[in-house]
């Protein structure tokens, strides 16, 4: 048997609010809203489904997993910041660069692209 990563679930005190943010970021409409669980539609490019589940308490400390997104970094960082994300850090290494951001609930995610050589 071969396992395939098909979905990532993000904890949230308000899954509808966070799903609305990520729906816009990922251009993936909400497919199902079951109250405590909200699922975005699978992206047209066959990417992974992102879902949200209600939890009563915030995650203590640093999250141990996060989304890495690819695209034109400067443009996309500006777009998601305008939607409610905040920049946490920037990293530039030979041949790669990424920006660490936090979504409205404080969950970290990265937007990266190959850096100019």
PDB file of N, CA and C in Angstrom:
ATOM      1  N   UNK A   1       0.849  -1.182   0.000  1.00  0.00           N
ATOM      2  CA  UNK A   1       0.000   0.000   0.000  1.00  0.00           C
ATOM      3  C   UNK A   1       0.894   1.246   0.000  1.00  0.00           C
ATOM      4  N   UNK A   2       0.512   2.230  -0.769  1.00  0.00           N
ATOM      5  CA  UNK A   2       1.238   3.484  -0.826  1.00  0.00           C
ATOM      6  C   UNK A   2       0.349   4.593  -0.289  1.00  0.00           C
ATOM      7  N   UNK A   3       0.823   5.295   0.701  1.00  0.00           N
ATOM      8  CA  UNK A   3       0.077   6.425   1.250  1.00  0.00           C
ATOM      9  C   UNK A   3       0.328   7.666   0.408  1.00  0.00           C
ATOM     10  N   UNK A   4      -0.676   8.495   0.285  1.00  0.00           N
ATOM     11  CA  UNK A   4      -0.594   9.742  -0.453  1.00  0.00           C
ATOM     12  C   UNK A   4      -1.113  10.851   0.448  1.00  0.00           C
ATOM     13  N   UNK A   5      -0.367  11.939   0.567  1.00  0.00           N
ATOM     14  CA  UNK A   5      -0.851  13.096   1.323  1.00  0.00           C
ATOM     15  C   UNK A   5      -1.967  13.744   0.506  1.00  0.00           C
ATOM     16  N   UNK A   6      -3.189  13.714   1.026  1.00  0.00           N
ATOM     17  CA  UNK A   6      -4.331  14.219   0.275  1.00  0.00           C
ATOM     18  C   UNK A   6      -4.949  15.477   0.877  1.00  0.00           C
ATOM     19  N   UNK A   7      -4.640  15.741   2.156  1.00  0.00           N
ATOM     20  CA  UNK A   7      -5.253  16.887   2.813  1.00  0.00           C
ATOM     21  C   UNK A   7      -4.380  17.307   3.986  1.00  0.00           C
ATOM     22  N   UNK A   8      -4.392  18.602   4.261  1.00  0.00           N
ATOM     23  CA  UNK A   8      -3.775  19.121   5.470  1.00  0.00           C
ATOM     24  C   UNK A   8      -4.854  19.888   6.221  1.00  0.00           C
ATOM     25  N   UNK A   9      -4.923  19.681   7.528  1.00  0.00           N
ATOM     26  CA  UNK A   9      -5.959  20.300   8.352  1.00  0.00           C
ATOM     27  C   UNK A   9      -5.312  21.287   9.314  1.00  0.00           C
ATOM     28  N   UNK A  10      -5.891  22.462   9.395  1.00  0.00           N
ATOM     29  CA  UNK A  10      -5.378  23.534  10.244  1.00  0.00           C
ATOM     30  C   UNK A  10      -6.371  23.762  11.378  1.00  0.00           C
ATOM     31  N   UNK A  11      -5.876  23.752  12.613  1.00  0.00           N
ATOM     32  CA  UNK A  11      -6.714  24.028  13.782  1.00  0.00           C
ATOM     33  C   UNK A  11      -7.052  25.516  13.830  1.00  0.00           C
ATOM     34  N   UNK A  12      -8.261  25.821  14.298  1.00  0.00           N
ATOM     35  CA  UNK A  12      -8.685  27.212  14.388  1.00  0.00           C
ATOM     36  C   UNK A  12      -9.816  27.354  15.398  1.00  0.00           C
ATOM     37  N   UNK A  13      -9.864  28.482  16.078  1.00  0.00           N
ATOM     38  CA  UNK A  13     -10.997  28.791  16.950  1.00  0.00           C
ATOM     39  C   UNK A  13     -12.216  29.182  16.120  1.00  0.00           C
ATOM     40  N   UNK A  14     -11.981  29.655  14.878  1.00  0.00           N
ATOM     41  CA  UNK A  14     -13.061  30.084  13.988  1.00  0.00           C
ATOM     42  C   UNK A  14     -12.768  29.564  12.586  1.00  0.00           C
ATOM     43  N   UNK A  15     -13.112  28.299  12.317  1.00  0.00           N
ATOM     44  CA  UNK A  15     -12.731  27.711  11.027  1.00  0.00           C
ATOM     45  C   UNK A  15     -13.360  28.403   9.815  1.00  0.00           C
ATOM     46  N   UNK A  16     -14.549  28.976   9.948  1.00  0.00           N
ATOM     47  CA  UNK A  16     -15.161  29.667   8.810  1.00  0.00           C
ATOM     48  C   UNK A  16     -14.355  30.910   8.435  1.00  0.00           C
ATOM     49  N   UNK A  17     -13.937  31.674   9.442  1.00  0.00           N
ATOM     50  CA  UNK A  17     -13.156  32.886   9.170  1.00  0.00           C
ATOM     51  C   UNK A  17     -11.823  32.533   8.527  1.00  0.00           C
ATOM     52  N   UNK A  18     -11.152  31.523   9.065  1.00  0.00           N
ATOM     53  CA  UNK A  18      -9.847  31.148   8.527  1.00  0.00           C
ATOM     54  C   UNK A  18      -9.996  30.518   7.141  1.00  0.00           C
ATOM     55  N   UNK A  19     -11.046  29.746   6.937  1.00  0.00           N
ATOM     56  CA  UNK A  19     -11.289  29.164   5.614  1.00  0.00           C
ATOM     57  C   UNK A  19     -11.534  30.257   4.571  1.00  0.00           C
ATOM     58  N   UNK A  20     -12.229  31.322   4.953  1.00  0.00           N
ATOM     59  CA  UNK A  20     -12.468  32.430   4.019  1.00  0.00           C
ATOM     60  C   UNK A  20     -11.141  33.070   3.597  1.00  0.00           C
ATOM     61  N   UNK A  21     -10.229  33.270   4.554  1.00  0.00           N
ATOM     62  CA  UNK A  21      -8.903  33.821   4.238  1.00  0.00           C
ATOM     63  C   UNK A  21      -8.175  32.903   3.261  1.00  0.00           C
ATOM     64  N   UNK A  22      -8.059  31.619   3.607  1.00  0.00           N
ATOM     65  CA  UNK A  22      -7.301  30.681   2.784  1.00  0.00           C
ATOM     66  C   UNK A  22      -7.989  30.414   1.448  1.00  0.00           C
ATOM     67  N   UNK A  23      -9.308  30.467   1.396  1.00  0.00           N
ATOM     68  CA  UNK A  23     -10.021  30.308   0.134  1.00  0.00           C
ATOM     69  C   UNK A  23      -9.573  31.375  -0.861  1.00  0.00           C
ATOM     70  N   UNK A  24      -9.438  32.599  -0.395  1.00  0.00           N
ATOM     71  CA  UNK A  24      -8.985  33.687  -1.253  1.00  0.00           C
ATOM     72  C   UNK A  24      -7.509  33.533  -1.597  1.00  0.00           C
ATOM     73  N   UNK A  25      -6.682  33.210  -0.607  1.00  0.00           N
ATOM     74  CA  UNK A  25      -5.249  33.034  -0.858  1.00  0.00           C
ATOM     75  C   UNK A  25      -5.003  31.974  -1.916  1.00  0.00           C
ATOM     76  N   UNK A  26      -5.679  30.830  -1.780  1.00  0.00           N
ATOM     77  CA  UNK A  26      -5.415  29.686  -2.658  1.00  0.00           C
ATOM     78  C   UNK A  26      -6.341  29.620  -3.876  1.00  0.00           C
ATOM     79  N   UNK A  27      -7.280  30.572  -3.982  1.00  0.00           N
ATOM     80  CA  UNK A  27      -8.266  30.567  -5.059  1.00  0.00           C
ATOM     81  C   UNK A  27      -8.962  29.206  -5.122  1.00  0.00           C
ATOM     82  N   UNK A  28      -9.386  28.747  -3.952  1.00  0.00           N
ATOM     83  CA  UNK A  28     -10.077  27.461  -3.816  1.00  0.00           C
ATOM     84  C   UNK A  28     -11.339  27.701  -3.002  1.00  0.00           C
ATOM     85  N   UNK A  29     -12.506  27.559  -3.582  1.00  0.00           N
ATOM     86  CA  UNK A  29     -13.738  27.835  -2.845  1.00  0.00           C
ATOM     87  C   UNK A  29     -13.975  26.826  -1.720  1.00  0.00           C
ATOM     88  N   UNK A  30     -14.763  27.261  -0.753  1.00  0.00           N
ATOM     89  CA  UNK A  30     -15.193  26.333   0.298  1.00  0.00           C
ATOM     90  C   UNK A  30     -16.080  25.292  -0.367  1.00  0.00           C
ATOM     91  N   UNK A  31     -15.733  24.024  -0.179  1.00  0.00           N
ATOM     92  CA  UNK A  31     -16.505  22.945  -0.767  1.00  0.00           C
ATOM     93  C   UNK A  31     -17.545  22.391   0.207  1.00  0.00           C
ATOM     94  N   UNK A  32     -17.161  22.284   1.494  1.00  0.00           N
ATOM     95  CA  UNK A  32     -18.084  21.783   2.522  1.00  0.00           C
ATOM     96  C   UNK A  32     -17.860  22.542   3.817  1.00  0.00           C
ATOM     97  N   UNK A  33     -18.947  22.945   4.442  1.00  0.00           N
ATOM     98  CA  UNK A  33     -18.892  23.579   5.758  1.00  0.00           C
ATOM     99  C   UNK A  33     -19.782  22.753   6.678  1.00  0.00           C
ATOM    100  N   UNK A  34     -19.135  22.005   7.580  1.00  0.00           N
ATOM    101  CA  UNK A  34     -19.862  21.145   8.513  1.00  0.00           C
ATOM    102  C   UNK A  34     -19.879  21.734   9.925  1.00  0.00           C
ATOM    103  N   UNK A  35     -19.735  23.058  10.000  1.00  0.00           N
ATOM    104  CA  UNK A  35     -19.732  23.714  11.303  1.00  0.00           C
ATOM    105  C   UNK A  35     -18.353  23.708  11.931  1.00  0.00           C
ATOM    106  N   UNK A  36     -17.996  22.611  12.564  1.00  0.00           N
ATOM    107  CA  UNK A  36     -16.679  22.517  13.200  1.00  0.00           C
ATOM    108  C   UNK A  36     -15.577  22.131  12.218  1.00  0.00           C
ATOM    109  N   UNK A  37     -15.958  21.760  10.994  1.00  0.00           N
ATOM    110  CA  UNK A  37     -14.997  21.339   9.970  1.00  0.00           C
ATOM    111  C   UNK A  37     -15.364  22.010   8.659  1.00  0.00           C
ATOM    112  N   UNK A  38     -14.378  22.653   8.036  1.00  0.00           N
ATOM    113  CA  UNK A  38     -14.593  23.335   6.760  1.00  0.00           C
ATOM    114  C   UNK A  38     -13.527  22.841   5.790  1.00  0.00           C
ATOM    115  N   UNK A  39     -13.953  22.492   4.570  1.00  0.00           N
ATOM    116  CA  UNK A  39     -13.053  21.941   3.563  1.00  0.00           C
ATOM    117  C   UNK A  39     -13.040  22.841   2.333  1.00  0.00           C
ATOM    118  N   UNK A  40     -11.856  23.193   1.866  1.00  0.00           N
ATOM    119  CA  UNK A  40     -11.738  23.884   0.595  1.00  0.00           C
ATOM    120  C   UNK A  40     -11.759  22.850  -0.525  1.00  0.00           C
ATOM    121  N   UNK A  41     -12.116  23.288  -1.719  1.00  0.00           N
ATOM    122  CA  UNK A  41     -12.108  22.404  -2.883  1.00  0.00           C
ATOM    123  C   UNK A  41     -10.666  22.070  -3.258  1.00  0.00           C
ATOM    124  N   UNK A  42     -10.480  20.888  -3.835  1.00  0.00           N
ATOM    125  CA  UNK A  42      -9.158  20.513  -4.341  1.00  0.00           C
ATOM    126  C   UNK A  42      -8.799  21.476  -5.472  1.00  0.00           C
ATOM    127  N   UNK A  43      -7.593  22.023  -5.450  1.00  0.00           N
ATOM    128  CA  UNK A  43      -7.187  22.939  -6.524  1.00  0.00           C
ATOM    129  C   UNK A  43      -7.236  22.259  -7.896  1.00  0.00           C
ATOM    130  N   UNK A  44      -7.476  23.054  -8.926  1.00  0.00           N
ATOM    131  CA  UNK A  44      -7.530  22.530 -10.290  1.00  0.00           C
ATOM    132  C   UNK A  44      -6.227  21.857 -10.697  1.00  0.00           C
ATOM    133  N   UNK A  45      -5.109  22.289 -10.087  1.00  0.00           N
ATOM    134  CA  UNK A  45      -3.806  21.724 -10.451  1.00  0.00           C
ATOM    135  C   UNK A  45      -3.537  20.396  -9.739  1.00  0.00           C
ATOM    136  N   UNK A  46      -4.543  19.877  -9.022  1.00  0.00           N
ATOM    137  CA  UNK A  46      -4.377  18.601  -8.343  1.00  0.00           C
ATOM    138  C   UNK A  46      -3.650  18.697  -7.023  1.00  0.00           C
ATOM    139  N   UNK A  47      -3.458  19.887  -6.514  1.00  0.00           N
ATOM    140  CA  UNK A  47      -2.774  20.063  -5.231  1.00  0.00           C
ATOM    141  C   UNK A  47      -3.548  19.469  -4.078  1.00  0.00           C
ATOM    142  N   UNK A  48      -3.057  19.681  -2.912  1.00  0.00           N
ATOM    143  CA  UNK A  48      -3.611  19.099  -1.689  1.00  0.00           C
ATOM    144  C   UNK A  48      -4.824  19.912  -1.206  1.00  0.00           C
ATOM    145  N   UNK A  49      -5.793  19.231  -0.629  1.00  0.00           N
ATOM    146  CA  UNK A  49      -6.961  19.886  -0.041  1.00  0.00           C
ATOM    147  C   UNK A  49      -6.548  20.485   1.306  1.00  0.00           C
ATOM    148  N   UNK A  50      -7.014  21.691   1.582  1.00  0.00           N
ATOM    149  CA  UNK A  50      -6.782  22.333   2.870  1.00  0.00           C
ATOM    150  C   UNK A  50      -8.123  22.376   3.603  1.00  0.00           C
ATOM    151  N   UNK A  51      -8.092  21.950   4.870  1.00  0.00           N
ATOM    152  CA  UNK A  51      -9.308  21.973   5.678  1.00  0.00           C
ATOM    153  C   UNK A  51      -9.015  22.631   7.021  1.00  0.00           C
ATOM    154  N   UNK A  52     -10.072  22.922   7.742  1.00  0.00           N
ATOM    155  CA  UNK A  52      -9.968  23.645   9.011  1.00  0.00           C
ATOM    156  C   UNK A  52     -10.878  22.976  10.017  1.00  0.00           C
ATOM    157  N   UNK A  53     -10.387  22.815  11.244  1.00  0.00           N
ATOM    158  CA  UNK A  53     -11.216  22.211  12.286  1.00  0.00           C
ATOM    159  C   UNK A  53     -11.206  23.093  13.525  1.00  0.00           C
ATOM    160  N   UNK A  54     -12.376  23.200  14.125  1.00  0.00           N
ATOM    161  CA  UNK A  54     -12.510  24.010  15.340  1.00  0.00           C
ATOM    162  C   UNK A  54     -11.818  23.310  16.503  1.00  0.00           C
ATOM    163  N   UNK A  55     -11.015  24.068  17.225  1.00  0.00           N
ATOM    164  CA  UNK A  55     -10.384  23.593  18.456  1.00  0.00           C
ATOM    165  C   UNK A  55     -10.635  24.636  19.537  1.00  0.00           C
ATOM    166  N   UNK A  56     -10.768  24.214  20.789  1.00  0.00           N
ATOM    167  CA  UNK A  56     -11.114  25.157  21.854  1.00  0.00           C
ATOM    168  C   UNK A  56      -9.946  26.008  22.328  1.00  0.00           C
ATOM    169  N   UNK A  57      -8.726  25.610  22.042  1.00  0.00           N
ATOM    170  CA  UNK A  57      -7.571  26.342  22.562  1.00  0.00           C
ATOM    171  C   UNK A  57      -6.560  26.601  21.447  1.00  0.00           C
ATOM    172  N   UNK A  58      -5.787  27.689  21.558  1.00  0.00           N
ATOM    173  CA  UNK A  58      -4.748  27.948  20.561  1.00  0.00           C
ATOM    174  C   UNK A  58      -3.590  26.954  20.712  1.00  0.00           C
ATOM    175  N   UNK A  59      -2.859  26.758  19.650  1.00  0.00           N
ATOM    176  CA  UNK A  59      -1.678  25.899  19.704  1.00  0.00           C
ATOM    177  C   UNK A  59      -0.598  26.600  20.508  1.00  0.00           C
ATOM    178  N   UNK A  60      -0.107  25.977  21.566  1.00  0.00           N
ATOM    179  CA  UNK A  60       0.961  26.615  22.344  1.00  0.00           C
ATOM    180  C   UNK A  60       2.296  26.490  21.618  1.00  0.00           C
ATOM    181  N   UNK A  61       3.087  27.545  21.656  1.00  0.00           N
ATOM    182  CA  UNK A  61       4.423  27.478  21.055  1.00  0.00           C
ATOM    183  C   UNK A  61       4.386  27.484  19.541  1.00  0.00           C
ATOM    184  N   UNK A  62       5.516  27.140  18.957  1.00  0.00           N
ATOM    185  CA  UNK A  62       5.693  27.164  17.509  1.00  0.00           C
ATOM    186  C   UNK A  62       5.012  25.953  16.872  1.00  0.00           C
ATOM    187  N   UNK A  63       4.327  26.196  15.766  1.00  0.00           N
ATOM    188  CA  UNK A  63       3.717  25.096  15.016  1.00  0.00           C
ATOM    189  C   UNK A  63       4.815  24.198  14.464  1.00  0.00           C
ATOM    190  N   UNK A  64       4.560  22.910  14.435  1.00  0.00           N
ATOM    191  CA  UNK A  64       5.559  21.948  13.982  1.00  0.00           C
ATOM    192  C   UNK A  64       5.395  21.593  12.510  1.00  0.00           C
ATOM    193  N   UNK A  65       4.386  22.149  11.842  1.00  0.00           N
ATOM    194  CA  UNK A  65       4.165  21.899  10.426  1.00  0.00           C
ATOM    195  C   UNK A  65       3.568  23.163   9.823  1.00  0.00           C
ATOM    196  N   UNK A  66       3.875  23.406   8.560  1.00  0.00           N
ATOM    197  CA  UNK A  66       3.309  24.583   7.909  1.00  0.00           C
ATOM    198  C   UNK A  66       3.232  24.359   6.401  1.00  0.00           C
ATOM    199  N   UNK A  67       2.452  25.207   5.728  1.00  0.00           N
ATOM    200  CA  UNK A  67       2.332  25.146   4.278  1.00  0.00           C
ATOM    201  C   UNK A  67       3.486  25.899   3.633  1.00  0.00           C
ATOM    202  N   UNK A  68       4.047  25.347   2.568  1.00  0.00           N
ATOM    203  CA  UNK A  68       5.002  26.037   1.713  1.00  0.00           C
ATOM    204  C   UNK A  68       4.323  26.253   0.373  1.00  0.00           C
ATOM    205  N   UNK A  69       4.187  27.505  -0.024  1.00  0.00           N
ATOM    206  CA  UNK A  69       3.530  27.866  -1.273  1.00  0.00           C
ATOM    207  C   UNK A  69       4.573  28.416  -2.241  1.00  0.00           C
ATOM    208  N   UNK A  70       4.363  28.204  -3.530  1.00  0.00           N
ATOM    209  CA  UNK A  70       5.290  28.692  -4.554  1.00  0.00           C
ATOM    210  C   UNK A  70       4.576  29.671  -5.458  1.00  0.00           C
ATOM    211  N   UNK A  71       5.321  30.667  -5.910  1.00  0.00           N
ATOM    212  CA  UNK A  71       4.775  31.647  -6.836  1.00  0.00           C
ATOM    213  C   UNK A  71       5.676  32.858  -6.877  1.00  0.00           C
ATOM    214  N   UNK A  72       5.268  33.870  -7.621  1.00  0.00           N
ATOM    215  CA  UNK A  72       6.061  35.103  -7.662  1.00  0.00           C
ATOM    216  C   UNK A  72       6.035  35.761  -6.270  1.00  0.00           C
ATOM    217  N   UNK A  73       7.116  35.606  -5.549  1.00  0.00           N
ATOM    218  CA  UNK A  73       7.153  35.891  -4.116  1.00  0.00           C
ATOM    219  C   UNK A  73       6.715  37.313  -3.772  1.00  0.00           C
ATOM    220  N   UNK A  74       7.314  38.318  -4.367  1.00  0.00           N
ATOM    221  CA  UNK A  74       6.997  39.706  -3.987  1.00  0.00           C
ATOM    222  C   UNK A  74       5.521  40.018  -4.214  1.00  0.00           C
ATOM    223  N   UNK A  75       4.995  39.612  -5.354  1.00  0.00           N
ATOM    224  CA  UNK A  75       3.599  39.876  -5.681  1.00  0.00           C
ATOM    225  C   UNK A  75       2.665  39.150  -4.731  1.00  0.00           C
ATOM    226  N   UNK A  76       2.942  37.870  -4.499  1.00  0.00           N
ATOM    227  CA  UNK A  76       2.058  37.071  -3.653  1.00  0.00           C
ATOM    228  C   UNK A  76       2.150  37.473  -2.181  1.00  0.00           C
ATOM    229  N   UNK A  77       3.326  37.826  -1.716  1.00  0.00           N
ATOM    230  CA  UNK A  77       3.451  38.294  -0.322  1.00  0.00           C
ATOM    231  C   UNK A  77       2.617  39.556  -0.137  1.00  0.00           C
ATOM    232  N   UNK A  78       2.726  40.493  -1.053  1.00  0.00           N
ATOM    233  CA  UNK A  78       1.941  41.730  -0.956  1.00  0.00           C
ATOM    234  C   UNK A  78       0.443  41.417  -0.968  1.00  0.00           C
ATOM    235  N   UNK A  79       0.025  40.483  -1.814  1.00  0.00           N
ATOM    236  CA  UNK A  79      -1.391  40.132  -1.912  1.00  0.00           C
ATOM    237  C   UNK A  79      -1.910  39.513  -0.624  1.00  0.00           C
ATOM    238  N   UNK A  80      -1.175  38.550  -0.056  1.00  0.00           N
ATOM    239  CA  UNK A  80      -1.689  37.886   1.146  1.00  0.00           C
ATOM    240  C   UNK A  80      -1.602  38.790   2.376  1.00  0.00           C
ATOM    241  N   UNK A  81      -0.641  39.706   2.403  1.00  0.00           N
ATOM    242  CA  UNK A  81      -0.592  40.687   3.495  1.00  0.00           C
ATOM    243  C   UNK A  81      -1.825  41.591   3.422  1.00  0.00           C
ATOM    244  N   UNK A  82      -2.204  41.987   2.221  1.00  0.00           N
ATOM    245  CA  UNK A  82      -3.408  42.812   2.064  1.00  0.00           C
ATOM    246  C   UNK A  82      -4.663  42.056   2.500  1.00  0.00           C
ATOM    247  N   UNK A  83      -4.620  40.723   2.452  1.00  0.00           N
ATOM    248  CA  UNK A  83      -5.761  39.901   2.867  1.00  0.00           C
ATOM    249  C   UNK A  83      -5.791  39.640   4.369  1.00  0.00           C
ATOM    250  N   UNK A  84      -4.705  39.989   5.081  1.00  0.00           N
ATOM    251  CA  UNK A  84      -4.709  39.809   6.535  1.00  0.00           C
ATOM    252  C   UNK A  84      -3.543  39.026   7.104  1.00  0.00           C
ATOM    253  N   UNK A  85      -2.634  38.548   6.253  1.00  0.00           N
ATOM    254  CA  UNK A  85      -1.434  37.865   6.757  1.00  0.00           C
ATOM    255  C   UNK A  85      -0.427  38.913   7.231  1.00  0.00           C
ATOM    256  N   UNK A  86       0.578  38.449   7.969  1.00  0.00           N
ATOM    257  CA  UNK A  86       1.671  39.361   8.345  1.00  0.00           C
ATOM    258  C   UNK A  86       2.998  38.668   8.092  1.00  0.00           C
ATOM    259  N   UNK A  87       3.985  39.476   7.686  1.00  0.00           N
ATOM    260  CA  UNK A  87       5.328  38.957   7.421  1.00  0.00           C
ATOM    261  C   UNK A  87       6.024  38.716   8.749  1.00  0.00           C
ATOM    262  N   UNK A  88       6.653  37.546   8.871  1.00  0.00           N
ATOM    263  CA  UNK A  88       7.369  37.160  10.078  1.00  0.00           C
ATOM    264  C   UNK A  88       8.875  37.210   9.851  1.00  0.00           C
ATOM    265  N   UNK A  89       9.332  36.762   8.678  1.00  0.00           N
ATOM    266  CA  UNK A  89      10.771  36.673   8.419  1.00  0.00           C
ATOM    267  C   UNK A  89      11.004  36.545   6.920  1.00  0.00           C
ATOM    268  N   UNK A  90      12.229  36.820   6.504  1.00  0.00           N
ATOM    269  CA  UNK A  90      12.659  36.668   5.111  1.00  0.00           C
ATOM    270  C   UNK A  90      13.931  35.835   5.107  1.00  0.00           C
ATOM    271  N   UNK A  91      14.069  34.972   4.099  1.00  0.00           N
ATOM    272  CA  UNK A  91      15.280  34.160   3.950  1.00  0.00           C
ATOM    273  C   UNK A  91      15.718  34.216   2.497  1.00  0.00           C
ATOM    274  N   UNK A  92      16.977  34.545   2.271  1.00  0.00           N
ATOM    275  CA  UNK A  92      17.543  34.541   0.926  1.00  0.00           C
ATOM    276  C   UNK A  92      18.840  33.755   0.978  1.00  0.00           C
ATOM    277  N   UNK A  93      18.878  32.676   0.213  1.00  0.00           N
ATOM    278  CA  UNK A  93      20.053  31.825   0.100  1.00  0.00           C
ATOM    279  C   UNK A  93      20.426  31.748  -1.372  1.00  0.00           C
ATOM    280  N   UNK A  94      21.598  31.250  -1.683  1.00  0.00           N
ATOM    281  CA  UNK A  94      21.930  31.099  -3.104  1.00  0.00           C
ATOM    282  C   UNK A  94      20.872  30.240  -3.808  1.00  0.00           C
ATOM    283  N   UNK A  95      20.274  30.778  -4.847  1.00  0.00           N
ATOM    284  CA  UNK A  95      19.316  30.100  -5.715  1.00  0.00           C
ATOM    285  C   UNK A  95      17.935  29.871  -5.113  1.00  0.00           C
ATOM    286  N   UNK A  96      17.673  30.384  -3.950  1.00  0.00           N
ATOM    287  CA  UNK A  96      16.321  30.254  -3.407  1.00  0.00           C
ATOM    288  C   UNK A  96      16.048  31.371  -2.395  1.00  0.00           C
ATOM    289  N   UNK A  97      14.784  31.707  -2.260  1.00  0.00           N
ATOM    290  CA  UNK A  97      14.372  32.715  -1.282  1.00  0.00           C
ATOM    291  C   UNK A  97      12.945  32.412  -0.863  1.00  0.00           C
ATOM    292  N   UNK A  98      12.613  32.742   0.371  1.00  0.00           N
ATOM    293  CA  UNK A  98      11.240  32.566   0.833  1.00  0.00           C
ATOM    294  C   UNK A  98      10.931  33.568   1.925  1.00  0.00           C
ATOM    295  N   UNK A  99       9.640  33.836   2.065  1.00  0.00           N
ATOM    296  CA  UNK A  99       9.130  34.729   3.095  1.00  0.00           C
ATOM    297  C   UNK A  99       8.269  33.896   4.034  1.00  0.00           C
ATOM    298  N   UNK A 100       8.506  34.039   5.329  1.00  0.00           N
ATOM    299  CA  UNK A 100       7.688  33.380   6.341  1.00  0.00           C
ATOM    300  C   UNK A 100       6.592  34.371   6.736  1.00  0.00           C
ATOM    301  N   UNK A 101       5.355  33.909   6.725  1.00  0.00           N
ATOM    302  CA  UNK A 101       4.218  34.743   7.079  1.00  0.00           C
ATOM    303  C   UNK A 101       3.386  34.039   8.136  1.00  0.00           C
ATOM    304  N   UNK A 102       2.429  34.756   8.693  1.00  0.00           N
ATOM    305  CA  UNK A 102       1.451  34.171   9.616  1.00  0.00           C
ATOM    306  C   UNK A 102       0.066  34.540   9.108  1.00  0.00           C
ATOM    307  N   UNK A 103      -0.844  33.568   9.115  1.00  0.00           N
ATOM    308  CA  UNK A 103      -2.217  33.832   8.706  1.00  0.00           C
ATOM    309  C   UNK A 103      -2.943  34.559   9.838  1.00  0.00           C
ATOM    310  N   UNK A 104      -4.219  34.928   9.668  1.00  0.00           N
ATOM    311  CA  UNK A 104      -4.918  35.684  10.717  1.00  0.00           C
ATOM    312  C   UNK A 104      -4.980  34.996  12.081  1.00  0.00           C
ATOM    313  N   UNK A 105      -4.846  33.661  12.128  1.00  0.00           N
ATOM    314  CA  UNK A 105      -4.804  32.954  13.412  1.00  0.00           C
ATOM    315  C   UNK A 105      -3.385  32.798  13.947  1.00  0.00           C
ATOM    316  N   UNK A 106      -2.395  33.290  13.208  1.00  0.00           N
ATOM    317  CA  UNK A 106      -1.005  33.175  13.637  1.00  0.00           C
ATOM    318  C   UNK A 106      -0.300  31.931  13.136  1.00  0.00           C
ATOM    319  N   UNK A 107      -0.967  31.115  12.305  1.00  0.00           N
ATOM    320  CA  UNK A 107      -0.340  29.913  11.762  1.00  0.00           C
ATOM    321  C   UNK A 107       0.719  30.301  10.733  1.00  0.00           C
ATOM    322  N   UNK A 108       1.921  29.744  10.843  1.00  0.00           N
ATOM    323  CA  UNK A 108       2.970  30.101   9.895  1.00  0.00           C
ATOM    324  C   UNK A 108       2.764  29.425   8.541  1.00  0.00           C
ATOM    325  N   UNK A 109       3.208  30.113   7.490  1.00  0.00           N
ATOM    326  CA  UNK A 109       3.288  29.537   6.153  1.00  0.00           C
ATOM    327  C   UNK A 109       4.361  30.296   5.392  1.00  0.00           C
ATOM    328  N   UNK A 110       4.849  29.716   4.317  1.00  0.00           N
ATOM    329  CA  UNK A 110       5.927  30.327   3.545  1.00  0.00           C
ATOM    330  C   UNK A 110       5.514  30.489   2.089  1.00  0.00           C
ATOM    331  N   UNK A 111       6.018  31.549   1.484  1.00  0.00           N
ATOM    332  CA  UNK A 111       5.913  31.739   0.051  1.00  0.00           C
ATOM    333  C   UNK A 111       7.341  31.830  -0.469  1.00  0.00           C
ATOM    334  N   UNK A 112       7.676  30.951  -1.404  1.00  0.00           N
ATOM    335  CA  UNK A 112       9.035  30.910  -1.911  1.00  0.00           C
ATOM    336  C   UNK A 112       9.101  30.851  -3.401  1.00  0.00           C
ATOM    337  N   UNK A 113      10.286  31.136  -3.905  1.00  0.00           N
ATOM    338  CA  UNK A 113      10.591  31.025  -5.327  1.00  0.00           C
ATOM    339  C   UNK A 113      12.099  30.940  -5.470  1.00  0.00           C
ATOM    340  N   UNK A 114      12.547  30.514  -6.612  1.00  0.00           N
ATOM    341  CA  UNK A 114      13.978  30.521  -6.867  1.00  0.00           C
ATOM    342  C   UNK A 114      14.458  31.962  -6.913  1.00  0.00           C
ATOM    343  N   UNK A 115      15.559  32.234  -6.232  1.00  0.00           N
ATOM    344  CA  UNK A 115      16.120  33.581  -6.216  1.00  0.00           C
ATOM    345  C   UNK A 115      16.940  33.804  -7.492  1.00  0.00           C
ATOM    346  N   UNK A 116      17.045  35.043  -7.933  1.00  0.00           N
ATOM    347  CA  UNK A 116      17.896  35.327  -9.083  1.00  0.00           C
ATOM    348  C   UNK A 116      19.332  34.891  -8.795  1.00  0.00           C
ATOM    349  N   UNK A 117      20.010  34.365  -9.783  1.00  0.00           N
ATOM    350  CA  UNK A 117      21.403  33.924  -9.587  1.00  0.00           C
ATOM    351  C   UNK A 117      22.368  35.022  -9.921  1.00  0.00           C
TER     352      UNK A 117
END
